[in-house]
């Protein structure tokens, strides 16, 4: 198994590039922050989102991600 395989979140998210997603991040011990947009890229320790209704890009720390909703 490698980090590219779909057994890992990185690998699975790579199969979802181009789709709209809602990503929930855990900050501290009990604060959740939601970010939504189009998934553009997945790295070893980050994801790249194009924010909804904007051309802005958001680089997100992979290790704070708790939940990802992929819209079909």
Protein backbone atom coordinates (compact mmCIF):
# COMPACT_ATOMS: atom_id res chain seq x y z
CA UNK A 1 0.00 0.00 0.00
CA UNK A 2 1.16 3.49 -0.82
CA UNK A 3 -0.20 6.93 0.04
CA UNK A 4 -1.50 7.01 -3.55
CA UNK A 5 -3.82 4.05 -2.88
CA UNK A 6 -7.47 4.58 -2.09
CA UNK A 7 -6.95 2.86 1.27
CA UNK A 8 -5.74 6.27 2.48
CA UNK A 9 -7.70 9.52 2.51
CA UNK A 10 -5.13 11.21 0.23
CA UNK A 11 -5.57 8.54 -2.43
CA UNK A 12 -9.35 8.56 -2.21
CA UNK A 13 -9.54 12.35 -2.42
CA UNK A 14 -7.37 12.27 -5.55
CA UNK A 15 -10.17 10.29 -7.22
CA UNK A 16 -12.56 13.15 -6.39
CA UNK A 17 -10.55 16.03 -7.92
CA UNK A 18 -12.82 18.44 -9.79
CA UNK A 19 -15.87 17.78 -7.60
CA UNK A 20 -17.55 20.15 -5.17
CA UNK A 21 -16.69 19.33 -1.56
CA UNK A 22 -17.45 20.47 1.96
CA UNK A 23 -14.45 19.99 4.26
CA UNK A 24 -14.78 20.16 8.03
CA UNK A 25 -11.66 21.02 10.01
CA UNK A 26 -11.13 20.53 13.73
CA UNK A 27 -9.34 23.47 15.31
CA UNK A 28 -8.21 22.93 18.87
CA UNK A 29 -10.22 20.40 20.82
CA UNK A 30 -13.81 21.33 19.96
CA UNK A 31 -14.06 23.98 17.21
CA UNK A 32 -15.14 22.93 13.72
CA UNK A 33 -14.69 25.17 10.67
CA UNK A 34 -16.35 24.39 7.32
CA UNK A 35 -14.85 25.26 3.95
CA UNK A 36 -16.48 24.48 0.63
CA UNK A 37 -15.42 24.67 -2.97
CA UNK A 38 -14.06 22.65 -5.86
CA UNK A 39 -11.28 20.21 -5.03
CA UNK A 40 -8.33 21.10 -7.28
CA UNK A 41 -5.41 19.09 -5.90
CA UNK A 42 -4.34 16.76 -3.10
CA UNK A 43 -0.79 16.70 -1.80
CA UNK A 44 0.92 14.66 0.89
CA UNK A 45 -0.12 17.11 3.62
CA UNK A 46 -2.55 19.57 2.01
CA UNK A 47 -5.59 19.93 -0.21
CA UNK A 48 -6.26 22.81 -2.59
CA UNK A 49 -9.78 24.22 -2.90
CA UNK A 50 -11.18 26.81 -5.27
CA UNK A 51 -13.64 28.63 -3.05
CA UNK A 52 -17.29 28.64 -4.08
CA UNK A 53 -18.35 31.70 -6.11
CA UNK A 54 -14.76 32.95 -6.27
CA UNK A 55 -11.50 32.54 -8.16
CA UNK A 56 -9.64 32.48 -4.83
CA UNK A 57 -7.62 29.41 -3.88
CA UNK A 58 -7.40 27.98 -0.39
CA UNK A 59 -4.59 25.67 0.71
CA UNK A 60 -5.75 23.52 3.62
CA UNK A 61 -3.70 21.58 6.16
CA UNK A 62 -4.48 17.90 5.65
CA UNK A 63 -4.00 16.86 9.28
CA UNK A 64 -6.84 19.02 10.66
CA UNK A 65 -9.43 17.53 8.28
CA UNK A 66 -12.07 15.47 10.09
CA UNK A 67 -14.89 15.06 7.55
CA UNK A 68 -15.24 15.53 3.79
CA UNK A 69 -18.56 15.60 1.96
CA UNK A 70 -18.25 15.02 -1.80
CA UNK A 71 -21.21 16.33 -3.81
CA UNK A 72 -22.16 14.14 -6.76
